[in-house]
Structures are given as structure tokens and as C-alpha cells.
Amino acid sequence: MTTTELATDTSSTQRAASARPRRHRRQLNLPGGLAGWIWLAIIIIPIYYVVITSFKTQGGYFAQNPLAIPTEPTLDNYVMVLEADFARYFLNSVIITVGAVVPTLAVSFMAAFAIVRGNGKFLKGVNALFLMGLAIPLQATIIPVYLIIIRLSLYDSLLAIILPSIAFAIPLSVLILSNFIRDVPNELFESMRLDGCSEWQTLWRLALPLTKPALVTVGIYNGLGVWNGFLLPLVLTQSPELRVLPLALWNFQGEFSVNVPAVLACVVLTTLPILVLYIIGRRQLLAGLTAGFSK
């Protein structure tokens, strides 16, 4: 092979190499990765501490490292909590949560549909009233709510917790659901109207299936708020048989002021229903949270 042919082959090889797409090396984001691991530790370590401590004995808790795995795990703490009327408190929380979330979703969904699809000053005023409700915190109205409940003769009842929970959950629910209904193409509503469907039929046959992710998201959000509610049950109830789980946990904390494993066992049992609810509705929840980002 001559020098000219070698030079020609070399130049053709260089042109072919330059024609290939260049692969860019990924640069490691060390600060971002370190921040992610730190945030994961901040979340995981308290959960790990709560779970392992609930399986420790009272003497083992004070004798061992708080983050050490128990050498002799026991279920005595869970038995103690279950025997302390935990089932009654759990049932009260379920009744209040379901009784508050279901009416909230029904009223908020129909109100959001009317605000989006309707016209008139009255509906605009209703929408403004709902928006004003977002600016009023529960803590600022607890005394008027207490007086209203007393006047209605509902004090020391589960209904005394359900009604204010519905009232404070509706404004945000209407805001979220109205935004989802507003994203539904107007052509679909027009086609339903041309097919002879009434507004009521359009509400249940078109708007409801398309806004199901939003309904699940709002339902889980409101359910968590009612399930973890502490102020309303504390102020509006008095009887021990009407306690809900957060209030019962507070009483456990007073009764077992030194027995930390028993308190944390109650925390684990209180959190399990929330975890199950998330597992069941996680797909709809993620769909509702990410809706609109692809537009």
C-alpha cells in the first residue's frame, strides 16, 4: 500500500468517525444526588425508629440504642393498644371520615360543574364565596363553630365533627374540581347536548368519568385531613366512647407517658389505614396530581 493510498484511507476513516453521532458523557450531579440521599434519610429514619420501637419492651427501649433493632421483639405493645378500646376509636374515625368525605365530594362536584357550565351573577357570587372560604383557617373559627354546635344541640356527637369538616373541605374541593371540569373540551359538552342529554345526564355521564382522577385526589386529600383531625374532636366532643384515633393517641400518650413503645405502636396502627388507602388509589392519585403538566 502506497503512502497516497494510506493517507486516503486515513482521511476517509476520519470523515466516517466525524459523521457518527457524538456521544455526550453524562455528568454526575453530585450535589443533587447527595441532597436526595439526605432527604431520603430524613424521611426513612423517623419511620424506621417508630416501627422498631413499637416492637421493643419498655425496659429494652431504655437499655438499647434507640435506633438498634430489638433483640427480643414483642407484640405486647400492640396487644395493649388493641385492648384499650382501639377498635371503638377506629370505628369512630371511619364513620367521621366517610361521613365527611362522601358529602363533600358530591356537593363540591355538582357545585364545580354548575360554576363552570353555568352563567349568571349568582354562580359567580357563589364561586367568590367559595374562594373566600379558602382564606379562613379552622383555628380562627373554632369558637363560633363551638357556639353553633351548642345551639344546634349537637355537642358531644359524631355529627358535630362531620358537619364542620364538610364545610371546611368544600372550598378547596370546588376550586380543584372546577379546574378539572374546565379542562374538558367544550365540544364534548356540545355533542352531549346535541344528543338530547340534559345537564344532569351530562354531569354524570360525561363530567364524572373524565374527572375521576380529580375526585380520587380530592377524596384522599380530604380523607387524610379528617382522619388526622385533632382540634374539632377535642373541642366538640367529651365522652370517651366518641374519641377518634388522634384524640385517643393523645390520651395514650398521657396514660403511657413513660411507655414510649406503646405510644408508637398506636401510631403504627393509626397509620396503617392511610397506607392501605394510598396503595388502593395511588394510580388515580398520581393521575390527578400530574394532570395538566403535559399540556
C-alpha atoms as a PDB file:
ATOM      1  CA  MET A   1       0.000   0.000   0.000  1.00  0.00           C
ATOM      2  CA  THR A   2       1.455   3.329  -1.048  1.00  0.00           C
ATOM      3  CA  THR A   3       1.649   6.477   1.033  1.00  0.00           C
ATOM      4  CA  THR A   4      -1.121   8.117  -1.036  1.00  0.00           C
ATOM      5  CA  GLU A   5      -3.488   5.195  -0.503  1.00  0.00           C
ATOM      6  CA  LEU A   6      -2.734   5.166   3.233  1.00  0.00           C
ATOM      7  CA  ALA A   7      -3.475   8.864   3.517  1.00  0.00           C
ATOM      8  CA  THR A   8      -6.717   8.390   1.589  1.00  0.00           C
ATOM      9  CA  ASP A   9      -7.843   5.572   3.916  1.00  0.00           C
ATOM     10  CA  THR A  10      -6.942   7.633   6.972  1.00  0.00           C
ATOM     11  CA  SER A  11      -8.932  10.654   5.788  1.00  0.00           C
ATOM     12  CA  SER A  12     -11.968   8.505   4.918  1.00  0.00           C
ATOM     13  CA  THR A  13     -11.830   6.897   8.350  1.00  0.00           C
ATOM     14  CA  GLN A  14     -11.708  10.314   9.993  1.00  0.00           C
ATOM     15  CA  ARG A  15     -14.685  11.517   7.933  1.00  0.00           C
ATOM     16  CA  ALA A  16     -16.679   8.416   8.876  1.00  0.00           C
ATOM     17  CA  ALA A  17     -15.837   8.898  12.534  1.00  0.00           C
ATOM     18  CA  SER A  18     -16.837  12.557  12.373  1.00  0.00           C
ATOM     19  CA  ALA A  19     -20.111  11.627  10.675  1.00  0.00           C
ATOM     20  CA  ARG A  20     -21.094   9.372  13.568  1.00  0.00           C
ATOM     21  CA  PRO A  21     -23.170  10.997  16.277  1.00  0.00           C
ATOM     22  CA  ARG A  22     -21.033  12.031  19.184  1.00  0.00           C
ATOM     23  CA  ARG A  23     -21.961  10.504  22.498  1.00  0.00           C
ATOM     24  CA  HIS A  24     -22.000  13.000  25.285  1.00  0.00           C
ATOM     25  CA  ARG A  25     -20.897  11.694  28.602  1.00  0.00           C
ATOM     26  CA  ARG A  26     -23.345  12.230  31.389  1.00  0.00           C
ATOM     27  CA  GLN A  27     -22.040  14.461  34.087  1.00  0.00           C
ATOM     28  CA  LEU A  28     -22.739  13.230  37.579  1.00  0.00           C
ATOM     29  CA  ASN A  29     -24.859  15.623  39.627  1.00  0.00           C
ATOM     30  CA  LEU A  30     -23.134  15.009  42.926  1.00  0.00           C
ATOM     31  CA  PRO A  31     -24.853  17.826  44.891  1.00  0.00           C
ATOM     32  CA  GLY A  32     -28.282  16.717  43.660  1.00  0.00           C
ATOM     33  CA  GLY A  33     -27.581  13.074  44.464  1.00  0.00           C
ATOM     34  CA  LEU A  34     -26.261  13.933  47.910  1.00  0.00           C
ATOM     35  CA  ALA A  35     -29.306  16.108  48.626  1.00  0.00           C
ATOM     36  CA  GLY A  36     -31.580  13.254  47.515  1.00  0.00           C
ATOM     37  CA  TRP A  37     -29.911  10.771  49.867  1.00  0.00           C
ATOM     38  CA  ILE A  38     -30.082  13.272  52.743  1.00  0.00           C
ATOM     39  CA  TRP A  39     -33.805  13.830  52.117  1.00  0.00           C
ATOM     40  CA  LEU A  40     -34.383  10.062  51.948  1.00  0.00           C
ATOM     41  CA  ALA A  41     -32.639   9.646  55.295  1.00  0.00           C
ATOM     42  CA  ILE A  42     -34.723  12.438  56.826  1.00  0.00           C
ATOM     43  CA  ILE A  43     -37.894  10.575  55.789  1.00  0.00           C
ATOM     44  CA  ILE A  44     -36.826   6.968  56.412  1.00  0.00           C
ATOM     45  CA  ILE A  45     -35.086   7.282  59.783  1.00  0.00           C
ATOM     46  CA  PRO A  46     -38.150   8.504  61.755  1.00  0.00           C
ATOM     47  CA  ILE A  47     -40.326   5.798  60.172  1.00  0.00           C
ATOM     48  CA  TYR A  48     -37.703   3.181  60.963  1.00  0.00           C
ATOM     49  CA  TYR A  49     -37.484   4.456  64.548  1.00  0.00           C
ATOM     50  CA  VAL A  50     -41.254   4.316  65.061  1.00  0.00           C
ATOM     51  CA  VAL A  51     -41.608   0.786  63.673  1.00  0.00           C
ATOM     52  CA  ILE A  52     -38.716  -0.856  65.509  1.00  0.00           C
ATOM     53  CA  THR A  53     -39.515   0.897  68.781  1.00  0.00           C
ATOM     54  CA  SER A  54     -43.089  -0.412  68.700  1.00  0.00           C
ATOM     55  CA  PHE A  55     -41.671  -3.951  68.932  1.00  0.00           C
ATOM     56  CA  LYS A  56     -39.470  -3.197  71.947  1.00  0.00           C
ATOM     57  CA  THR A  57     -40.261  -3.726  75.587  1.00  0.00           C
ATOM     58  CA  GLN A  58     -40.261  -0.795  77.915  1.00  0.00           C
ATOM     59  CA  GLY A  59     -37.036  -1.933  79.582  1.00  0.00           C
ATOM     60  CA  GLY A  60     -35.403  -2.718  76.247  1.00  0.00           C
ATOM     61  CA  TYR A  61     -36.213   0.753  74.944  1.00  0.00           C
ATOM     62  CA  PHE A  62     -34.246   2.458  77.709  1.00  0.00           C
ATOM     63  CA  ALA A  63     -31.436  -0.121  77.734  1.00  0.00           C
ATOM     64  CA  GLN A  64     -30.708  -0.167  73.983  1.00  0.00           C
ATOM     65  CA  ASN A  65     -29.676   2.345  71.375  1.00  0.00           C
ATOM     66  CA  PRO A  66     -32.899   3.988  70.100  1.00  0.00           C
ATOM     67  CA  LEU A  67     -32.036   3.020  66.510  1.00  0.00           C
ATOM     68  CA  ALA A  68     -30.932  -0.529  67.326  1.00  0.00           C
ATOM     69  CA  ILE A  69     -33.072  -3.462  66.226  1.00  0.00           C
ATOM     70  CA  PRO A  70     -34.765  -5.083  69.260  1.00  0.00           C
ATOM     71  CA  THR A  71     -33.010  -8.228  70.419  1.00  0.00           C
ATOM     72  CA  GLU A  72     -36.286  -9.682  71.722  1.00  0.00           C
ATOM     73  CA  PRO A  73     -39.141  -8.273  69.619  1.00  0.00           C
ATOM     74  CA  THR A  74     -42.575  -8.462  71.164  1.00  0.00           C
ATOM     75  CA  LEU A  75     -46.191  -7.758  70.209  1.00  0.00           C
ATOM     76  CA  ASP A  76     -47.234  -6.866  73.755  1.00  0.00           C
ATOM     77  CA  ASN A  77     -47.474  -3.180  72.880  1.00  0.00           C
ATOM     78  CA  TYR A  78     -49.942  -3.864  70.066  1.00  0.00           C
ATOM     79  CA  VAL A  79     -51.990  -6.146  72.308  1.00  0.00           C
ATOM     80  CA  MET A  80     -52.069  -3.430  74.956  1.00  0.00           C
ATOM     81  CA  VAL A  81     -53.292  -0.830  72.457  1.00  0.00           C
ATOM     82  CA  LEU A  82     -55.937  -3.124  70.962  1.00  0.00           C
ATOM     83  CA  GLU A  83     -57.271  -3.957  74.406  1.00  0.00           C
ATOM     84  CA  ALA A  84     -57.616  -0.245  75.269  1.00  0.00           C
ATOM     85  CA  ASP A  85     -60.775   0.279  73.120  1.00  0.00           C
ATOM     86  CA  PHE A  86     -58.772   0.870  69.953  1.00  0.00           C
ATOM     87  CA  ALA A  87     -61.499  -0.761  67.814  1.00  0.00           C
ATOM     88  CA  ARG A  88     -64.083   1.772  69.037  1.00  0.00           C
ATOM     89  CA  TYR A  89     -61.779   4.702  68.260  1.00  0.00           C
ATOM     90  CA  PHE A  90     -61.020   3.237  64.842  1.00  0.00           C
ATOM     91  CA  LEU A  91     -64.725   2.861  64.036  1.00  0.00           C
ATOM     92  CA  ASN A  92     -65.409   6.445  65.104  1.00  0.00           C
ATOM     93  CA  SER A  93     -62.652   7.697  62.800  1.00  0.00           C
ATOM     94  CA  VAL A  94     -64.006   5.661  59.885  1.00  0.00           C
ATOM     95  CA  ILE A  95     -67.551   6.959  60.408  1.00  0.00           C
ATOM     96  CA  ILE A  96     -66.398  10.568  60.596  1.00  0.00           C
ATOM     97  CA  THR A  97     -64.071  10.288  57.602  1.00  0.00           C
ATOM     98  CA  VAL A  98     -66.602   8.585  55.330  1.00  0.00           C
ATOM     99  CA  GLY A  99     -69.426  10.807  56.577  1.00  0.00           C
ATOM    100  CA  ALA A 100     -67.411  13.930  55.778  1.00  0.00           C
ATOM    101  CA  VAL A 101     -65.668  12.937  52.532  1.00  0.00           C
ATOM    102  CA  VAL A 102     -68.628  11.468  50.613  1.00  0.00           C
ATOM    103  CA  PRO A 103     -70.955  14.508  51.011  1.00  0.00           C
ATOM    104  CA  THR A 104     -68.011  16.817  50.326  1.00  0.00           C
ATOM    105  CA  LEU A 105     -67.265  15.129  47.007  1.00  0.00           C
ATOM    106  CA  ALA A 106     -70.926  15.082  45.950  1.00  0.00           C
ATOM    107  CA  VAL A 107     -71.615  18.730  46.813  1.00  0.00           C
ATOM    108  CA  SER A 108     -68.272  20.008  45.512  1.00  0.00           C
ATOM    109  CA  PHE A 109     -68.551  18.133  42.208  1.00  0.00           C
ATOM    110  CA  MET A 110     -72.050  19.420  41.455  1.00  0.00           C
ATOM    111  CA  ALA A 111     -71.111  22.946  42.545  1.00  0.00           C
ATOM    112  CA  ALA A 112     -67.983  22.919  40.377  1.00  0.00           C
ATOM    113  CA  PHE A 113     -69.982  21.728  37.357  1.00  0.00           C
ATOM    114  CA  ALA A 114     -72.572  24.459  37.870  1.00  0.00           C
ATOM    115  CA  ILE A 115     -69.885  27.143  38.222  1.00  0.00           C
ATOM    116  CA  VAL A 116     -68.058  26.043  35.059  1.00  0.00           C
ATOM    117  CA  ARG A 117     -71.060  25.340  32.831  1.00  0.00           C
ATOM    118  CA  GLY A 118     -73.495  27.929  34.197  1.00  0.00           C
ATOM    119  CA  ASN A 119     -73.824  31.649  33.699  1.00  0.00           C
ATOM    120  CA  GLY A 120     -75.151  34.420  35.848  1.00  0.00           C
ATOM    121  CA  LYS A 121     -74.150  36.665  38.690  1.00  0.00           C
ATOM    122  CA  PHE A 122     -75.456  34.234  41.286  1.00  0.00           C
ATOM    123  CA  LEU A 123     -73.000  31.475  40.306  1.00  0.00           C
ATOM    124  CA  LYS A 124     -70.155  33.994  40.159  1.00  0.00           C
ATOM    125  CA  GLY A 125     -71.067  35.119  43.661  1.00  0.00           C
ATOM    126  CA  VAL A 126     -71.132  31.501  44.857  1.00  0.00           C
ATOM    127  CA  ASN A 127     -67.693  30.934  43.346  1.00  0.00           C
ATOM    128  CA  ALA A 128     -66.363  34.056  45.066  1.00  0.00           C
ATOM    129  CA  LEU A 129     -67.876  32.825  48.336  1.00  0.00           C
ATOM    130  CA  PHE A 130     -66.054  29.511  47.996  1.00  0.00           C
ATOM    131  CA  LEU A 131     -62.785  31.331  47.269  1.00  0.00           C
ATOM    132  CA  MET A 132     -63.274  33.454  50.374  1.00  0.00           C
ATOM    133  CA  GLY A 133     -63.630  30.257  52.375  1.00  0.00           C
ATOM    134  CA  LEU A 134     -60.041  29.331  51.493  1.00  0.00           C
ATOM    135  CA  ALA A 135     -58.783  32.381  53.392  1.00  0.00           C
ATOM    136  CA  ILE A 136     -60.479  31.428  56.681  1.00  0.00           C
ATOM    137  CA  PRO A 137     -58.486  28.935  58.796  1.00  0.00           C
ATOM    138  CA  LEU A 138     -60.204  26.444  61.053  1.00  0.00           C
ATOM    139  CA  GLN A 139     -58.429  27.732  64.149  1.00  0.00           C
ATOM    140  CA  ALA A 140     -59.898  31.222  63.678  1.00  0.00           C
ATOM    141  CA  THR A 141     -63.483  29.950  63.663  1.00  0.00           C
ATOM    142  CA  ILE A 142     -63.376  27.270  66.325  1.00  0.00           C
ATOM    143  CA  ILE A 143     -65.253  29.393  68.900  1.00  0.00           C
ATOM    144  CA  PRO A 144     -68.126  30.342  66.526  1.00  0.00           C
ATOM    145  CA  VAL A 145     -68.321  26.714  65.380  1.00  0.00           C
ATOM    146  CA  TYR A 146     -68.485  25.601  69.006  1.00  0.00           C
ATOM    147  CA  LEU A 147     -71.328  28.029  69.734  1.00  0.00           C
ATOM    148  CA  ILE A 148     -73.271  26.952  66.631  1.00  0.00           C
ATOM    149  CA  ILE A 149     -72.912  23.288  67.563  1.00  0.00           C
ATOM    150  CA  ILE A 150     -74.168  24.084  71.073  1.00  0.00           C
ATOM    151  CA  ARG A 151     -77.190  25.950  69.666  1.00  0.00           C
ATOM    152  CA  LEU A 152     -77.994  23.011  67.367  1.00  0.00           C
ATOM    153  CA  SER A 153     -77.798  20.593  70.330  1.00  0.00           C
ATOM    154  CA  LEU A 154     -75.155  18.527  68.511  1.00  0.00           C
ATOM    155  CA  TYR A 155     -72.377  18.820  71.065  1.00  0.00           C
ATOM    156  CA  ASP A 156     -70.661  15.573  72.030  1.00  0.00           C
ATOM    157  CA  SER A 157     -71.755  13.681  68.920  1.00  0.00           C
ATOM    158  CA  LEU A 158     -70.041  12.443  65.773  1.00  0.00           C
ATOM    159  CA  LEU A 159     -72.245  14.723  63.681  1.00  0.00           C
ATOM    160  CA  ALA A 160     -70.680  17.690  65.467  1.00  0.00           C
ATOM    161  CA  ILE A 161     -67.364  16.757  63.857  1.00  0.00           C
ATOM    162  CA  ILE A 162     -68.744  15.724  60.458  1.00  0.00           C
ATOM    163  CA  LEU A 163     -70.636  18.942  59.624  1.00  0.00           C
ATOM    164  CA  PRO A 164     -67.736  21.405  60.218  1.00  0.00           C
ATOM    165  CA  SER A 165     -65.368  19.043  58.409  1.00  0.00           C
ATOM    166  CA  ILE A 166     -67.624  19.147  55.342  1.00  0.00           C
ATOM    167  CA  ALA A 167     -67.895  22.939  55.494  1.00  0.00           C
ATOM    168  CA  PHE A 168     -64.132  23.487  55.645  1.00  0.00           C
ATOM    169  CA  ALA A 169     -63.362  20.905  52.924  1.00  0.00           C
ATOM    170  CA  ILE A 170     -65.800  22.200  50.292  1.00  0.00           C
ATOM    171  CA  PRO A 171     -63.995  25.439  49.179  1.00  0.00           C
ATOM    172  CA  LEU A 172     -60.724  23.792  48.163  1.00  0.00           C
ATOM    173  CA  SER A 173     -62.557  20.823  46.649  1.00  0.00           C
ATOM    174  CA  VAL A 174     -64.681  23.110  44.470  1.00  0.00           C
ATOM    175  CA  LEU A 175     -61.597  25.001  43.312  1.00  0.00           C
ATOM    176  CA  ILE A 176     -59.744  21.842  42.267  1.00  0.00           C
ATOM    177  CA  LEU A 177     -62.726  20.140  40.631  1.00  0.00           C
ATOM    178  CA  SER A 178     -63.784  23.266  38.728  1.00  0.00           C
ATOM    179  CA  ASN A 179     -60.314  23.496  37.200  1.00  0.00           C
ATOM    180  CA  PHE A 180     -60.525  19.883  36.059  1.00  0.00           C
ATOM    181  CA  ILE A 181     -64.025  20.301  34.599  1.00  0.00           C
ATOM    182  CA  ARG A 182     -62.868  23.466  32.837  1.00  0.00           C
ATOM    183  CA  ASP A 183     -60.190  21.412  31.058  1.00  0.00           C
ATOM    184  CA  VAL A 184     -62.813  19.130  29.480  1.00  0.00           C
ATOM    185  CA  PRO A 185     -63.201  20.147  25.797  1.00  0.00           C
ATOM    186  CA  ASN A 186     -66.358  22.146  25.150  1.00  0.00           C
ATOM    187  CA  GLU A 187     -67.030  20.051  22.033  1.00  0.00           C
ATOM    188  CA  LEU A 188     -67.823  17.057  24.215  1.00  0.00           C
ATOM    189  CA  PHE A 189     -70.458  19.005  26.095  1.00  0.00           C
ATOM    190  CA  GLU A 190     -71.925  20.267  22.849  1.00  0.00           C
ATOM    191  CA  SER A 191     -72.111  16.760  21.414  1.00  0.00           C
ATOM    192  CA  MET A 192     -73.916  15.548  24.530  1.00  0.00           C
ATOM    193  CA  ARG A 193     -76.360  18.423  24.208  1.00  0.00           C
ATOM    194  CA  LEU A 194     -76.996  17.623  20.542  1.00  0.00           C
ATOM    195  CA  ASP A 195     -77.693  14.011  21.501  1.00  0.00           C
ATOM    196  CA  GLY A 196     -80.525  15.257  23.689  1.00  0.00           C
ATOM    197  CA  CYS A 197     -78.856  14.830  27.088  1.00  0.00           C
ATOM    198  CA  SER A 198     -79.868  17.131  29.874  1.00  0.00           C
ATOM    199  CA  GLU A 199     -77.395  18.944  32.103  1.00  0.00           C
ATOM    200  CA  TRP A 200     -77.958  16.317  34.787  1.00  0.00           C
ATOM    201  CA  GLN A 201     -77.169  13.483  32.349  1.00  0.00           C
ATOM    202  CA  THR A 202     -74.114  15.364  31.070  1.00  0.00           C
ATOM    203  CA  LEU A 203     -72.927  15.756  34.655  1.00  0.00           C
ATOM    204  CA  TRP A 204     -73.000  12.038  35.455  1.00  0.00           C
ATOM    205  CA  ARG A 205     -72.249  10.532  32.031  1.00  0.00           C
ATOM    206  CA  LEU A 206     -69.504  12.875  30.810  1.00  0.00           C
ATOM    207  CA  ALA A 207     -68.055  15.064  33.543  1.00  0.00           C
ATOM    208  CA  LEU A 208     -67.936  12.387  36.231  1.00  0.00           C
ATOM    209  CA  PRO A 209     -65.880   9.762  34.286  1.00  0.00           C
ATOM    210  CA  LEU A 210     -63.458  12.393  32.965  1.00  0.00           C
ATOM    211  CA  THR A 211     -62.823  13.919  36.384  1.00  0.00           C
ATOM    212  CA  LYS A 212     -62.483  10.646  38.290  1.00  0.00           C
ATOM    213  CA  PRO A 213     -58.720  11.170  38.952  1.00  0.00           C
ATOM    214  CA  ALA A 214     -59.506  14.584  40.417  1.00  0.00           C
ATOM    215  CA  LEU A 215     -62.256  13.130  42.597  1.00  0.00           C
ATOM    216  CA  VAL A 216     -59.902  10.454  43.936  1.00  0.00           C
ATOM    217  CA  THR A 217     -57.215  13.066  44.610  1.00  0.00           C
ATOM    218  CA  VAL A 218     -59.614  15.383  46.429  1.00  0.00           C
ATOM    219  CA  GLY A 219     -61.136  12.455  48.329  1.00  0.00           C
ATOM    220  CA  ILE A 220     -57.776  11.196  49.584  1.00  0.00           C
ATOM    221  CA  TYR A 221     -56.635  14.700  50.490  1.00  0.00           C
ATOM    222  CA  ASN A 222     -59.794  15.456  52.452  1.00  0.00           C
ATOM    223  CA  GLY A 223     -59.791  11.980  53.979  1.00  0.00           C
ATOM    224  CA  LEU A 224     -56.296  12.490  55.335  1.00  0.00           C
ATOM    225  CA  GLY A 225     -57.286  15.848  56.793  1.00  0.00           C
ATOM    226  CA  VAL A 226     -60.351  14.451  58.556  1.00  0.00           C
ATOM    227  CA  TRP A 227     -58.590  11.260  59.680  1.00  0.00           C
ATOM    228  CA  ASN A 228     -55.740  13.229  61.267  1.00  0.00           C
ATOM    229  CA  GLY A 229     -58.011  15.972  62.637  1.00  0.00           C
ATOM    230  CA  PHE A 230     -57.420  16.781  66.279  1.00  0.00           C
ATOM    231  CA  LEU A 231     -58.873  20.214  67.052  1.00  0.00           C
ATOM    232  CA  LEU A 232     -62.541  19.553  66.194  1.00  0.00           C
ATOM    233  CA  PRO A 233     -62.777  16.257  68.130  1.00  0.00           C
ATOM    234  CA  LEU A 234     -61.013  17.862  71.091  1.00  0.00           C
ATOM    235  CA  VAL A 235     -63.363  20.849  71.279  1.00  0.00           C
ATOM    236  CA  LEU A 236     -66.672  19.357  70.089  1.00  0.00           C
ATOM    237  CA  THR A 237     -66.678  16.004  71.902  1.00  0.00           C
ATOM    238  CA  GLN A 238     -66.311  14.987  75.510  1.00  0.00           C
ATOM    239  CA  SER A 239     -67.367  11.359  76.000  1.00  0.00           C
ATOM    240  CA  PRO A 240     -64.590   8.747  75.965  1.00  0.00           C
ATOM    241  CA  GLU A 241     -66.643   6.479  73.664  1.00  0.00           C
ATOM    242  CA  LEU A 242     -66.681   9.208  70.979  1.00  0.00           C
ATOM    243  CA  ARG A 243     -62.919   9.638  70.753  1.00  0.00           C
ATOM    244  CA  VAL A 244     -61.242   9.355  67.380  1.00  0.00           C
ATOM    245  CA  LEU A 245     -57.777   7.950  66.746  1.00  0.00           C
ATOM    246  CA  PRO A 246     -55.755  11.197  67.007  1.00  0.00           C
ATOM    247  CA  LEU A 247     -57.513  12.075  70.258  1.00  0.00           C
ATOM    248  CA  ALA A 248     -57.114   8.527  71.528  1.00  0.00           C
ATOM    249  CA  LEU A 249     -53.411   8.705  70.688  1.00  0.00           C
ATOM    250  CA  TRP A 250     -53.127  11.844  72.780  1.00  0.00           C
ATOM    251  CA  ASN A 251     -54.800  10.057  75.678  1.00  0.00           C
ATOM    252  CA  PHE A 252     -52.495   7.086  75.237  1.00  0.00           C
ATOM    253  CA  GLN A 253     -49.596   9.463  75.407  1.00  0.00           C
ATOM    254  CA  GLY A 254     -50.849  10.699  78.730  1.00  0.00           C
ATOM    255  CA  GLU A 255     -51.610   7.260  80.083  1.00  0.00           C
ATOM    256  CA  PHE A 256     -48.335   5.733  78.923  1.00  0.00           C
ATOM    257  CA  SER A 257     -46.166   8.760  79.489  1.00  0.00           C
ATOM    258  CA  VAL A 258     -43.107   6.568  80.061  1.00  0.00           C
ATOM    259  CA  ASN A 259     -44.065   3.584  77.911  1.00  0.00           C
ATOM    260  CA  VAL A 260     -42.911   5.018  74.581  1.00  0.00           C
ATOM    261  CA  PRO A 261     -43.172   1.681  72.669  1.00  0.00           C
ATOM    262  CA  ALA A 262     -46.917   1.504  73.443  1.00  0.00           C
ATOM    263  CA  VAL A 263     -47.453   5.028  72.138  1.00  0.00           C
ATOM    264  CA  LEU A 264     -45.578   4.264  68.920  1.00  0.00           C
ATOM    265  CA  ALA A 265     -47.499   1.010  68.475  1.00  0.00           C
ATOM    266  CA  CYS A 266     -50.659   3.117  68.485  1.00  0.00           C
ATOM    267  CA  VAL A 267     -49.054   5.411  65.904  1.00  0.00           C
ATOM    268  CA  VAL A 268     -48.346   2.439  63.621  1.00  0.00           C
ATOM    269  CA  LEU A 269     -51.906   1.131  63.903  1.00  0.00           C
ATOM    270  CA  THR A 270     -53.267   4.616  63.201  1.00  0.00           C
ATOM    271  CA  THR A 271     -51.128   4.966  60.073  1.00  0.00           C
ATOM    272  CA  LEU A 272     -51.950   1.582  58.529  1.00  0.00           C
ATOM    273  CA  PRO A 273     -55.386   2.611  57.128  1.00  0.00           C
ATOM    274  CA  ILE A 274     -53.799   5.634  55.444  1.00  0.00           C
ATOM    275  CA  LEU A 275     -51.167   3.388  53.865  1.00  0.00           C
ATOM    276  CA  VAL A 276     -53.819   0.968  52.607  1.00  0.00           C
ATOM    277  CA  LEU A 277     -55.827   3.875  51.172  1.00  0.00           C
ATOM    278  CA  TYR A 278     -52.770   5.124  49.300  1.00  0.00           C
ATOM    279  CA  ILE A 279     -51.997   1.669  47.888  1.00  0.00           C
ATOM    280  CA  ILE A 280     -55.562   1.322  46.601  1.00  0.00           C
ATOM    281  CA  GLY A 281     -55.815   4.753  44.992  1.00  0.00           C
ATOM    282  CA  ARG A 282     -52.203   5.538  44.112  1.00  0.00           C
ATOM    283  CA  ARG A 283     -52.719   5.362  40.329  1.00  0.00           C
ATOM    284  CA  GLN A 284     -55.708   7.672  40.351  1.00  0.00           C
ATOM    285  CA  LEU A 285     -53.935   9.913  42.833  1.00  0.00           C
ATOM    286  CA  LEU A 286     -50.836  10.273  40.649  1.00  0.00           C
ATOM    287  CA  ALA A 287     -53.010  10.830  37.575  1.00  0.00           C
ATOM    288  CA  GLY A 288     -54.869  13.593  39.360  1.00  0.00           C
ATOM    289  CA  LEU A 289     -51.689  15.246  40.663  1.00  0.00           C
ATOM    290  CA  THR A 290     -49.910  15.173  37.277  1.00  0.00           C
ATOM    291  CA  ALA A 291     -52.907  16.128  35.120  1.00  0.00           C
ATOM    292  CA  GLY A 292     -52.277  19.234  33.088  1.00  0.00           C
ATOM    293  CA  PHE A 293     -48.451  19.066  33.098  1.00  0.00           C
ATOM    294  CA  SER A 294     -48.396  17.557  29.611  1.00  0.00           C
ATOM    295  CA  LYS A 295     -50.406  20.414  28.094  1.00  0.00           C
END
